[in-house]
Amino acid sequence: MQRLNGMFGLAALGWVASFSALPAAAQALNERLQTCAACHGEDGNSKMEKIPSLAGQPEFFVLNQLVLMRENVRQVEQMMSFVKDLKDEEIQGLAQHYAGLKPMPTDETVDPALVKRGAELAQRLRCASCHGDGLEGREQMPRLARQRIDYMFEAMQAFRDNRRSGADTAMTAVIVGVSDQDLLALAHYASTK
């Protein structure tokens, strides 16, 4: 009986310890989110030039990208100081948070002629086969819909020109040889989805 009481005591101690860790973990995550918001926006929708919106990105995509950056496989100079000491549970929390936010339309000026051209190119290049019919992304494939035009344009150039570390080579193969004007059209189109 004494042994049973000891087991219950240990179980209760573990239960209390787990709850006392929750506020600290939540506070740490909140601090991380405040840091992220400085560039990616309070609601995950970036207003900063060439900074991606994270709202509505697939959870696995965000998780994967943060791990790749933390492990220095994907090098994004502006992010390195923020991700280098991220704990796995913080990465999971950030990924869940951003996946749950609503992507909003970009505040950039959209050119209707480029949107039309981009729609044609997206169909020809079969963007939906990886990124989803509404370009909403899935699993490790990012959401392109409602992404910033300037960011998308620069990111696609980097993929095309093989300048993106830690990148999926499938994307490079899809857009190799696509002109800057056509990449810009794709970015305009995706921003309107």
N, C-alpha and C. Protein backbone atom coordinates (compact mmCIF):
# COMPACT_ATOMS: atom_id res chain seq x y z
N MET A 1 0.82 -1.20 0.00
CA MET A 1 0.00 0.00 0.00
C MET A 1 0.86 1.26 0.00
N GLN A 2 1.98 1.20 0.77
CA GLN A 2 2.88 2.35 0.83
C GLN A 2 3.49 2.61 -0.56
N ARG A 3 3.81 1.55 -1.25
CA ARG A 3 4.38 1.68 -2.59
C ARG A 3 3.37 2.33 -3.55
N LEU A 4 2.10 1.94 -3.42
CA LEU A 4 1.04 2.50 -4.24
C LEU A 4 0.88 4.00 -3.97
N ASN A 5 0.92 4.38 -2.70
CA ASN A 5 0.84 5.80 -2.34
C ASN A 5 2.03 6.57 -2.92
N GLY A 6 3.20 5.97 -2.89
CA GLY A 6 4.39 6.59 -3.45
C GLY A 6 4.25 6.80 -4.96
N MET A 7 3.65 5.83 -5.64
CA MET A 7 3.43 5.95 -7.09
C MET A 7 2.45 7.07 -7.39
N PHE A 8 1.37 7.14 -6.57
CA PHE A 8 0.41 8.22 -6.77
C PHE A 8 1.06 9.57 -6.52
N GLY A 9 1.92 9.62 -5.50
CA GLY A 9 2.63 10.87 -5.19
C GLY A 9 3.53 11.30 -6.33
N LEU A 10 4.25 10.36 -6.91
CA LEU A 10 5.12 10.67 -8.05
C LEU A 10 4.30 11.10 -9.26
N ALA A 11 3.19 10.42 -9.48
CA ALA A 11 2.31 10.78 -10.59
C ALA A 11 1.76 12.18 -10.41
N ALA A 12 1.32 12.49 -9.19
CA ALA A 12 0.79 13.82 -8.90
C ALA A 12 1.87 14.88 -9.08
N LEU A 13 3.08 14.58 -8.63
CA LEU A 13 4.19 15.52 -8.78
C LEU A 13 4.46 15.79 -10.26
N GLY A 14 4.45 14.74 -11.06
CA GLY A 14 4.64 14.90 -12.51
C GLY A 14 3.53 15.71 -13.14
N TRP A 15 2.31 15.47 -12.67
CA TRP A 15 1.14 16.20 -13.18
C TRP A 15 1.26 17.69 -12.87
N VAL A 16 1.63 18.03 -11.65
CA VAL A 16 1.80 19.43 -11.24
C VAL A 16 2.96 20.06 -12.01
N ALA A 17 4.05 19.34 -12.17
CA ALA A 17 5.21 19.87 -12.90
C ALA A 17 4.85 20.16 -14.36
N SER A 18 4.03 19.30 -14.95
CA SER A 18 3.66 19.53 -16.35
C SER A 18 2.83 20.79 -16.49
N PHE A 19 1.96 21.07 -15.50
CA PHE A 19 1.15 22.28 -15.57
C PHE A 19 1.96 23.53 -15.28
N SER A 20 2.96 23.43 -14.42
CA SER A 20 3.78 24.60 -14.14
C SER A 20 4.67 24.93 -15.34
N ALA A 21 4.96 23.95 -16.18
CA ALA A 21 5.78 24.20 -17.37
C ALA A 21 4.95 24.85 -18.48
N LEU A 22 3.64 24.64 -18.46
CA LEU A 22 2.79 25.19 -19.52
C LEU A 22 2.87 26.70 -19.62
N PRO A 23 2.70 27.45 -18.52
CA PRO A 23 2.77 28.91 -18.66
C PRO A 23 4.13 29.38 -19.17
N ALA A 24 5.21 28.76 -18.75
CA ALA A 24 6.54 29.15 -19.21
C ALA A 24 6.69 28.89 -20.71
N ALA A 25 6.20 27.73 -21.16
CA ALA A 25 6.27 27.41 -22.59
C ALA A 25 5.40 28.36 -23.40
N ALA A 26 4.21 28.66 -22.88
CA ALA A 26 3.31 29.59 -23.58
C ALA A 26 3.92 30.98 -23.64
N GLN A 27 4.57 31.41 -22.57
CA GLN A 27 5.21 32.71 -22.56
C GLN A 27 6.37 32.76 -23.55
N ALA A 28 7.16 31.69 -23.60
CA ALA A 28 8.28 31.63 -24.54
C ALA A 28 7.77 31.69 -25.98
N LEU A 29 6.69 30.94 -26.26
CA LEU A 29 6.12 30.96 -27.61
C LEU A 29 5.59 32.35 -27.93
N ASN A 30 4.92 32.98 -26.97
CA ASN A 30 4.40 34.33 -27.19
C ASN A 30 5.52 35.31 -27.51
N GLU A 31 6.64 35.19 -26.82
CA GLU A 31 7.79 36.05 -27.10
C GLU A 31 8.32 35.81 -28.51
N ARG A 32 8.38 34.54 -28.91
CA ARG A 32 8.82 34.21 -30.28
C ARG A 32 7.86 34.83 -31.30
N LEU A 33 6.57 34.72 -31.04
CA LEU A 33 5.57 35.26 -31.97
C LEU A 33 5.68 36.77 -32.09
N GLN A 34 5.99 37.46 -31.01
CA GLN A 34 6.17 38.90 -31.07
C GLN A 34 7.37 39.26 -31.94
N THR A 35 8.42 38.47 -31.84
CA THR A 35 9.60 38.68 -32.68
C THR A 35 9.23 38.47 -34.15
N CYS A 36 8.52 37.40 -34.43
CA CYS A 36 8.10 37.09 -35.81
C CYS A 36 7.22 38.20 -36.38
N ALA A 37 6.33 38.72 -35.53
CA ALA A 37 5.36 39.73 -35.97
C ALA A 37 6.02 41.00 -36.46
N ALA A 38 7.21 41.29 -35.97
CA ALA A 38 7.90 42.51 -36.39
C ALA A 38 8.09 42.57 -37.90
N CYS A 39 8.28 41.42 -38.53
CA CYS A 39 8.45 41.38 -39.99
C CYS A 39 7.27 40.72 -40.70
N HIS A 40 6.75 39.64 -40.14
CA HIS A 40 5.72 38.85 -40.81
C HIS A 40 4.30 39.33 -40.50
N GLY A 41 4.16 40.34 -39.64
CA GLY A 41 2.87 40.91 -39.32
C GLY A 41 2.23 40.26 -38.10
N GLU A 42 1.48 41.06 -37.34
CA GLU A 42 0.79 40.58 -36.13
C GLU A 42 -0.14 39.42 -36.46
N ASP A 43 -0.78 39.49 -37.62
CA ASP A 43 -1.73 38.45 -38.03
C ASP A 43 -1.12 37.48 -39.04
N GLY A 44 0.20 37.52 -39.19
CA GLY A 44 0.89 36.63 -40.12
C GLY A 44 0.86 37.10 -41.56
N ASN A 45 0.25 38.25 -41.82
CA ASN A 45 0.17 38.82 -43.17
C ASN A 45 1.16 39.97 -43.26
N SER A 46 2.25 39.75 -43.97
CA SER A 46 3.33 40.71 -44.05
C SER A 46 2.94 41.97 -44.81
N LYS A 47 3.37 43.09 -44.27
CA LYS A 47 3.22 44.38 -44.95
C LYS A 47 4.60 44.89 -45.38
N MET A 48 5.62 44.11 -45.06
CA MET A 48 6.99 44.51 -45.37
C MET A 48 7.43 43.96 -46.72
N GLU A 49 8.08 44.82 -47.48
CA GLU A 49 8.58 44.46 -48.80
C GLU A 49 9.47 43.22 -48.74
N LYS A 50 9.21 42.27 -49.61
CA LYS A 50 10.01 41.05 -49.80
C LYS A 50 10.06 40.14 -48.57
N ILE A 51 9.10 40.30 -47.67
CA ILE A 51 8.98 39.44 -46.49
C ILE A 51 7.71 38.62 -46.68
N PRO A 52 7.79 37.29 -46.60
CA PRO A 52 6.60 36.47 -46.87
C PRO A 52 5.55 36.55 -45.77
N SER A 53 4.32 36.41 -46.20
CA SER A 53 3.21 36.23 -45.26
C SER A 53 3.23 34.76 -44.84
N LEU A 54 2.96 34.52 -43.55
CA LEU A 54 2.96 33.15 -43.03
C LEU A 54 1.56 32.65 -42.72
N ALA A 55 0.60 33.56 -42.65
CA ALA A 55 -0.77 33.19 -42.30
C ALA A 55 -1.31 32.14 -43.28
N GLY A 56 -1.82 31.06 -42.72
CA GLY A 56 -2.44 30.02 -43.55
C GLY A 56 -1.46 29.08 -44.23
N GLN A 57 -0.17 29.22 -43.94
CA GLN A 57 0.78 28.27 -44.52
C GLN A 57 0.53 26.90 -43.89
N PRO A 58 0.67 25.82 -44.66
CA PRO A 58 0.51 24.49 -44.07
C PRO A 58 1.46 24.30 -42.89
N GLU A 59 0.95 23.69 -41.85
CA GLU A 59 1.74 23.49 -40.63
C GLU A 59 3.05 22.78 -40.90
N PHE A 60 2.99 21.71 -41.70
CA PHE A 60 4.21 20.95 -41.97
C PHE A 60 5.22 21.78 -42.76
N PHE A 61 4.74 22.64 -43.65
CA PHE A 61 5.64 23.50 -44.41
C PHE A 61 6.41 24.43 -43.47
N VAL A 62 5.70 25.10 -42.57
CA VAL A 62 6.36 26.03 -41.64
C VAL A 62 7.35 25.27 -40.76
N LEU A 63 6.91 24.15 -40.23
CA LEU A 63 7.77 23.33 -39.38
C LEU A 63 9.04 22.93 -40.13
N ASN A 64 8.87 22.44 -41.33
CA ASN A 64 9.99 21.99 -42.15
C ASN A 64 10.97 23.14 -42.44
N GLN A 65 10.44 24.30 -42.82
CA GLN A 65 11.30 25.43 -43.16
C GLN A 65 12.09 25.92 -41.94
N LEU A 66 11.43 25.98 -40.78
CA LEU A 66 12.12 26.41 -39.57
C LEU A 66 13.23 25.44 -39.17
N VAL A 67 12.96 24.15 -39.30
CA VAL A 67 14.00 23.16 -38.99
C VAL A 67 15.15 23.29 -39.98
N LEU A 68 14.85 23.42 -41.27
CA LEU A 68 15.92 23.57 -42.27
C LEU A 68 16.78 24.80 -41.98
N MET A 69 16.14 25.90 -41.57
CA MET A 69 16.90 27.11 -41.25
C MET A 69 17.70 26.92 -39.96
N ARG A 70 17.07 26.35 -38.95
CA ARG A 70 17.77 26.14 -37.68
C ARG A 70 19.01 25.27 -37.87
N GLU A 71 18.87 24.24 -38.71
CA GLU A 71 19.98 23.31 -38.93
C GLU A 71 20.95 23.81 -39.99
N ASN A 72 20.73 25.03 -40.48
CA ASN A 72 21.60 25.69 -41.45
C ASN A 72 21.64 24.98 -42.81
N VAL A 73 20.58 24.26 -43.12
CA VAL A 73 20.45 23.64 -44.44
C VAL A 73 19.90 24.67 -45.41
N ARG A 74 18.90 25.42 -44.95
CA ARG A 74 18.37 26.55 -45.73
C ARG A 74 18.88 27.82 -45.07
N GLN A 75 19.66 28.57 -45.81
CA GLN A 75 20.26 29.77 -45.24
C GLN A 75 19.51 31.02 -45.67
N VAL A 76 18.86 31.63 -44.70
CA VAL A 76 18.17 32.91 -44.90
C VAL A 76 18.80 33.85 -43.88
N GLU A 77 19.70 34.68 -44.36
CA GLU A 77 20.53 35.51 -43.49
C GLU A 77 19.72 36.25 -42.44
N GLN A 78 18.59 36.84 -42.85
CA GLN A 78 17.78 37.63 -41.92
C GLN A 78 17.17 36.78 -40.81
N MET A 79 17.05 35.49 -41.02
CA MET A 79 16.38 34.61 -40.06
C MET A 79 17.35 33.87 -39.12
N MET A 80 18.60 33.81 -39.47
CA MET A 80 19.53 32.93 -38.76
C MET A 80 19.61 33.21 -37.26
N SER A 81 19.65 34.46 -36.86
CA SER A 81 19.76 34.75 -35.43
C SER A 81 18.48 34.39 -34.68
N PHE A 82 17.36 34.36 -35.36
CA PHE A 82 16.08 34.03 -34.71
C PHE A 82 15.86 32.53 -34.58
N VAL A 83 16.35 31.76 -35.53
CA VAL A 83 16.04 30.33 -35.55
C VAL A 83 17.11 29.44 -34.93
N LYS A 84 18.30 29.97 -34.73
CA LYS A 84 19.42 29.11 -34.33
C LYS A 84 19.19 28.38 -33.00
N ASP A 85 18.43 28.97 -32.10
CA ASP A 85 18.21 28.32 -30.81
C ASP A 85 16.76 27.92 -30.57
N LEU A 86 15.97 27.84 -31.63
CA LEU A 86 14.58 27.40 -31.48
C LEU A 86 14.53 25.95 -31.01
N LYS A 87 13.69 25.70 -30.03
CA LYS A 87 13.47 24.34 -29.55
C LYS A 87 12.40 23.69 -30.43
N ASP A 88 12.42 22.37 -30.49
CA ASP A 88 11.45 21.65 -31.30
C ASP A 88 10.02 22.03 -30.95
N GLU A 89 9.72 22.14 -29.66
CA GLU A 89 8.35 22.47 -29.26
C GLU A 89 7.97 23.89 -29.65
N GLU A 90 8.94 24.80 -29.71
CA GLU A 90 8.66 26.16 -30.18
C GLU A 90 8.37 26.15 -31.67
N ILE A 91 9.13 25.38 -32.41
CA ILE A 91 8.90 25.25 -33.85
C ILE A 91 7.49 24.70 -34.09
N GLN A 92 7.12 23.66 -33.35
CA GLN A 92 5.78 23.08 -33.48
C GLN A 92 4.71 24.12 -33.17
N GLY A 93 4.92 24.88 -32.10
CA GLY A 93 3.96 25.92 -31.71
C GLY A 93 3.83 27.01 -32.76
N LEU A 94 4.95 27.44 -33.32
CA LEU A 94 4.93 28.47 -34.37
C LEU A 94 4.20 27.95 -35.61
N ALA A 95 4.50 26.72 -35.99
CA ALA A 95 3.87 26.13 -37.18
C ALA A 95 2.35 26.03 -36.99
N GLN A 96 1.92 25.58 -35.82
CA GLN A 96 0.49 25.47 -35.55
C GLN A 96 -0.17 26.84 -35.55
N HIS A 97 0.50 27.81 -34.95
CA HIS A 97 -0.04 29.16 -34.88
C HIS A 97 -0.28 29.74 -36.28
N TYR A 98 0.76 29.73 -37.10
CA TYR A 98 0.63 30.34 -38.42
C TYR A 98 -0.33 29.58 -39.34
N ALA A 99 -0.37 28.28 -39.21
CA ALA A 99 -1.31 27.49 -40.01
C ALA A 99 -2.76 27.86 -39.69
N GLY A 100 -3.01 28.29 -38.47
CA GLY A 100 -4.36 28.63 -38.04
C GLY A 100 -4.80 30.05 -38.36
N LEU A 101 -3.93 30.86 -38.91
CA LEU A 101 -4.28 32.25 -39.22
C LEU A 101 -4.85 32.38 -40.63
N LYS A 102 -5.66 33.40 -40.83
CA LYS A 102 -6.32 33.62 -42.12
C LYS A 102 -5.43 34.48 -43.04
N PRO A 103 -5.10 33.95 -44.23
CA PRO A 103 -4.34 34.78 -45.18
C PRO A 103 -5.23 35.88 -45.75
N MET A 104 -4.70 37.08 -45.80
CA MET A 104 -5.44 38.24 -46.31
C MET A 104 -4.85 38.66 -47.66
N PRO A 105 -5.64 39.36 -48.47
CA PRO A 105 -5.10 39.85 -49.75
C PRO A 105 -3.90 40.77 -49.52
N THR A 106 -2.97 40.75 -50.44
CA THR A 106 -1.80 41.61 -50.33
C THR A 106 -2.20 43.07 -50.49
N ASP A 107 -1.41 43.96 -49.90
CA ASP A 107 -1.67 45.39 -50.03
C ASP A 107 -0.96 45.98 -51.26
N GLU A 108 -0.34 45.12 -52.05
CA GLU A 108 0.38 45.58 -53.24
C GLU A 108 -0.60 45.81 -54.40
N THR A 109 -0.20 46.65 -55.33
CA THR A 109 -1.01 46.90 -56.52
C THR A 109 -0.91 45.71 -57.46
N VAL A 110 -2.07 45.20 -57.86
CA VAL A 110 -2.13 44.02 -58.73
C VAL A 110 -2.47 44.48 -60.15
N ASP A 111 -1.72 43.97 -61.12
CA ASP A 111 -1.94 44.30 -62.53
C ASP A 111 -2.84 43.23 -63.15
N PRO A 112 -4.06 43.60 -63.58
CA PRO A 112 -4.99 42.61 -64.14
C PRO A 112 -4.44 41.87 -65.36
N ALA A 113 -3.66 42.55 -66.19
CA ALA A 113 -3.09 41.88 -67.37
C ALA A 113 -2.08 40.81 -66.93
N LEU A 114 -1.31 41.10 -65.90
CA LEU A 114 -0.35 40.12 -65.40
C LEU A 114 -1.07 38.96 -64.70
N VAL A 115 -2.17 39.26 -64.04
CA VAL A 115 -2.96 38.20 -63.40
C VAL A 115 -3.47 37.23 -64.46
N LYS A 116 -3.97 37.78 -65.56
CA LYS A 116 -4.49 36.94 -66.65
C LYS A 116 -3.37 36.08 -67.24
N ARG A 117 -2.23 36.68 -67.51
CA ARG A 117 -1.09 35.94 -68.05
C ARG A 117 -0.62 34.89 -67.03
N GLY A 118 -0.59 35.26 -65.76
CA GLY A 118 -0.17 34.34 -64.72
C GLY A 118 -1.09 33.14 -64.61
N ALA A 119 -2.39 33.35 -64.79
CA ALA A 119 -3.36 32.24 -64.74
C ALA A 119 -3.07 31.23 -65.86
N GLU A 120 -2.76 31.75 -67.04
CA GLU A 120 -2.43 30.88 -68.18
C GLU A 120 -1.15 30.09 -67.89
N LEU A 121 -0.15 30.79 -67.37
CA LEU A 121 1.12 30.13 -67.05
C LEU A 121 0.97 29.09 -65.95
N ALA A 122 0.19 29.42 -64.93
CA ALA A 122 -0.02 28.49 -63.82
C ALA A 122 -0.67 27.20 -64.31
N GLN A 123 -1.57 27.33 -65.26
CA GLN A 123 -2.20 26.13 -65.82
C GLN A 123 -1.18 25.34 -66.65
N ARG A 124 -0.42 26.04 -67.47
CA ARG A 124 0.56 25.38 -68.32
C ARG A 124 1.66 24.70 -67.50
N LEU A 125 2.10 25.36 -66.43
CA LEU A 125 3.17 24.83 -65.59
C LEU A 125 2.65 23.86 -64.53
N ARG A 126 1.33 23.72 -64.46
CA ARG A 126 0.67 22.78 -63.54
C ARG A 126 1.00 23.07 -62.07
N CYS A 127 0.94 24.34 -61.72
CA CYS A 127 1.22 24.75 -60.34
C CYS A 127 0.30 24.05 -59.34
N ALA A 128 -0.95 23.85 -59.72
CA ALA A 128 -1.94 23.25 -58.82
C ALA A 128 -1.60 21.80 -58.46
N SER A 129 -0.84 21.11 -59.31
CA SER A 129 -0.53 19.71 -59.02
C SER A 129 0.27 19.56 -57.73
N CYS A 130 1.03 20.56 -57.35
CA CYS A 130 1.77 20.51 -56.08
C CYS A 130 1.17 21.44 -55.03
N HIS A 131 0.76 22.63 -55.45
CA HIS A 131 0.33 23.66 -54.50
C HIS A 131 -1.17 23.67 -54.24
N GLY A 132 -1.93 22.80 -54.90
CA GLY A 132 -3.37 22.73 -54.69
C GLY A 132 -4.14 23.58 -55.69
N ASP A 133 -5.40 23.22 -55.90
CA ASP A 133 -6.23 23.91 -56.90
C ASP A 133 -6.34 25.41 -56.65
N GLY A 134 -6.42 25.80 -55.39
CA GLY A 134 -6.51 27.22 -55.04
C GLY A 134 -5.16 27.80 -54.63
N LEU A 135 -4.09 27.06 -54.93
CA LEU A 135 -2.72 27.42 -54.55
C LEU A 135 -2.59 27.61 -53.04
N GLU A 136 -3.41 26.85 -52.29
CA GLU A 136 -3.45 26.95 -50.83
C GLU A 136 -2.32 26.20 -50.15
N GLY A 137 -1.57 25.42 -50.90
CA GLY A 137 -0.47 24.64 -50.33
C GLY A 137 -0.98 23.39 -49.63
N ARG A 138 -0.06 22.49 -49.38
CA ARG A 138 -0.39 21.27 -48.61
C ARG A 138 0.91 20.60 -48.21
N GLU A 139 0.87 20.04 -47.01
CA GLU A 139 2.03 19.36 -46.45
C GLU A 139 3.28 20.23 -46.57
N GLN A 140 4.31 19.77 -47.30
CA GLN A 140 5.54 20.55 -47.40
C GLN A 140 5.52 21.59 -48.52
N MET A 141 4.40 21.66 -49.25
CA MET A 141 4.28 22.63 -50.34
C MET A 141 3.65 23.92 -49.82
N PRO A 142 4.29 25.06 -50.05
CA PRO A 142 3.78 26.31 -49.48
C PRO A 142 2.49 26.81 -50.14
N ARG A 143 1.77 27.58 -49.35
CA ARG A 143 0.62 28.32 -49.88
C ARG A 143 1.18 29.47 -50.70
N LEU A 144 0.74 29.57 -51.95
CA LEU A 144 1.12 30.68 -52.81
C LEU A 144 0.02 31.73 -52.84
N ALA A 145 -1.20 31.29 -52.61
CA ALA A 145 -2.36 32.19 -52.64
C ALA A 145 -2.19 33.30 -51.61
N ARG A 146 -2.47 34.52 -52.06
CA ARG A 146 -2.42 35.71 -51.21
C ARG A 146 -1.04 36.01 -50.64
N GLN A 147 -0.02 35.49 -51.31
CA GLN A 147 1.36 35.78 -50.89
C GLN A 147 1.76 37.13 -51.48
N ARG A 148 2.72 37.77 -50.87
CA ARG A 148 3.23 39.05 -51.37
C ARG A 148 3.84 38.86 -52.76
N ILE A 149 3.53 39.76 -53.66
CA ILE A 149 4.02 39.70 -55.04
C ILE A 149 5.54 39.81 -55.07
N ASP A 150 6.07 40.81 -54.38
CA ASP A 150 7.52 41.04 -54.43
C ASP A 150 8.29 39.85 -53.86
N TYR A 151 7.77 39.26 -52.80
CA TYR A 151 8.43 38.09 -52.23
C TYR A 151 8.37 36.90 -53.19
N MET A 152 7.19 36.64 -53.72
CA MET A 152 7.02 35.50 -54.65
C MET A 152 7.93 35.64 -55.87
N PHE A 153 7.97 36.82 -56.42
CA PHE A 153 8.80 37.07 -57.60
C PHE A 153 10.26 36.77 -57.30
N GLU A 154 10.75 37.31 -56.19
CA GLU A 154 12.16 37.09 -55.83
C GLU A 154 12.43 35.61 -55.50
N ALA A 155 11.49 34.96 -54.82
CA ALA A 155 11.67 33.55 -54.46
C ALA A 155 11.71 32.67 -55.72
N MET A 156 10.82 32.95 -56.67
CA MET A 156 10.82 32.15 -57.91
C MET A 156 12.09 32.38 -58.72
N GLN A 157 12.59 33.61 -58.73
CA GLN A 157 13.86 33.87 -59.41
C GLN A 157 14.97 33.03 -58.77
N ALA A 158 15.00 32.99 -57.44
CA ALA A 158 16.03 32.23 -56.73
C ALA A 158 15.92 30.74 -57.05
N PHE A 159 14.70 30.22 -57.10
CA PHE A 159 14.51 28.81 -57.49
C PHE A 159 15.01 28.59 -58.91
N ARG A 160 14.57 29.43 -59.82
CA ARG A 160 14.93 29.27 -61.23
C ARG A 160 16.44 29.32 -61.43
N ASP A 161 17.08 30.25 -60.75
CA ASP A 161 18.52 30.46 -60.93
C ASP A 161 19.38 29.60 -60.00
N ASN A 162 18.73 28.66 -59.30
CA ASN A 162 19.41 27.72 -58.40
C ASN A 162 20.22 28.45 -57.32
N ARG A 163 19.61 29.50 -56.75
CA ARG A 163 20.25 30.28 -55.69
C ARG A 163 19.59 30.06 -54.34
N ARG A 164 18.70 29.11 -54.24
CA ARG A 164 17.97 28.90 -52.98
C ARG A 164 18.49 27.65 -52.30
N SER A 165 19.18 27.83 -51.18
CA SER A 165 19.73 26.68 -50.46
C SER A 165 18.62 25.89 -49.79
N GLY A 166 18.78 24.58 -49.72
CA GLY A 166 17.81 23.71 -49.08
C GLY A 166 16.51 23.60 -49.84
N ALA A 167 16.53 23.93 -51.12
CA ALA A 167 15.30 23.97 -51.91
C ALA A 167 15.02 22.63 -52.59
N ASP A 168 13.76 22.43 -52.85
CA ASP A 168 13.30 21.24 -53.57
C ASP A 168 13.66 21.42 -55.05
N THR A 169 14.38 20.50 -55.61
CA THR A 169 14.81 20.62 -57.01
C THR A 169 13.65 20.49 -57.98
N ALA A 170 12.53 19.93 -57.53
CA ALA A 170 11.36 19.81 -58.42
C ALA A 170 10.88 21.20 -58.85
N MET A 171 10.90 22.15 -57.94
CA MET A 171 10.46 23.51 -58.27
C MET A 171 11.41 24.15 -59.28
N THR A 172 12.68 23.95 -59.10
CA THR A 172 13.66 24.50 -60.04
C THR A 172 13.41 23.94 -61.43
N ALA A 173 13.14 22.65 -61.53
CA ALA A 173 12.90 22.01 -62.82
C ALA A 173 11.65 22.58 -63.50
N VAL A 174 10.65 22.93 -62.72
CA VAL A 174 9.40 23.45 -63.29
C VAL A 174 9.60 24.83 -63.90
N ILE A 175 10.39 25.69 -63.26
CA ILE A 175 10.47 27.07 -63.74
C ILE A 175 11.78 27.42 -64.44
N VAL A 176 12.62 26.44 -64.69
CA VAL A 176 13.85 26.73 -65.43
C VAL A 176 13.47 27.30 -66.80
N GLY A 177 14.11 28.38 -67.17
CA GLY A 177 13.85 28.99 -68.47
C GLY A 177 12.67 29.94 -68.51
N VAL A 178 11.91 30.07 -67.41
CA VAL A 178 10.77 30.99 -67.37
C VAL A 178 11.32 32.41 -67.20
N SER A 179 10.86 33.33 -68.02
CA SER A 179 11.37 34.70 -67.99
C SER A 179 10.95 35.44 -66.72
N ASP A 180 11.67 36.51 -66.41
CA ASP A 180 11.31 37.34 -65.27
C ASP A 180 9.89 37.88 -65.42
N GLN A 181 9.52 38.30 -66.62
CA GLN A 181 8.17 38.85 -66.84
C GLN A 181 7.11 37.79 -66.55
N ASP A 182 7.37 36.56 -66.94
CA ASP A 182 6.41 35.49 -66.65
C ASP A 182 6.39 35.12 -65.17
N LEU A 183 7.53 35.17 -64.50
CA LEU A 183 7.55 34.95 -63.06
C LEU A 183 6.75 36.03 -62.34
N LEU A 184 6.89 37.25 -62.80
CA LEU A 184 6.12 38.35 -62.21
C LEU A 184 4.62 38.13 -62.43
N ALA A 185 4.26 37.64 -63.61
CA ALA A 185 2.85 37.35 -63.89
C ALA A 185 2.33 36.25 -62.96
N LEU A 186 3.12 35.22 -62.73
CA LEU A 186 2.72 34.16 -61.79
C LEU A 186 2.53 34.71 -60.38
N ALA A 187 3.41 35.60 -59.97
CA ALA A 187 3.31 36.20 -58.63
C ALA A 187 2.04 37.04 -58.51
N HIS A 188 1.73 37.80 -59.54
CA HIS A 188 0.49 38.60 -59.53
C HIS A 188 -0.73 37.68 -59.45
N TYR A 189 -0.73 36.64 -60.22
CA TYR A 189 -1.84 35.68 -60.22
C TYR A 189 -2.01 35.04 -58.85
N ALA A 190 -0.94 34.52 -58.29
CA ALA A 190 -1.02 33.83 -56.99
C ALA A 190 -1.53 34.77 -55.90
N SER A 191 -1.14 36.03 -55.96
CA SER A 191 -1.54 36.98 -54.92
C SER A 191 -3.05 37.21 -54.90
N THR A 192 -3.72 36.91 -56.00
CA THR A 192 -5.17 37.16 -56.09
C THR A 192 -6.01 35.94 -55.75
N LYS A 193 -5.39 34.79 -55.56
CA LYS A 193 -6.15 33.55 -55.31
C LYS A 193 -6.72 33.54 -53.91
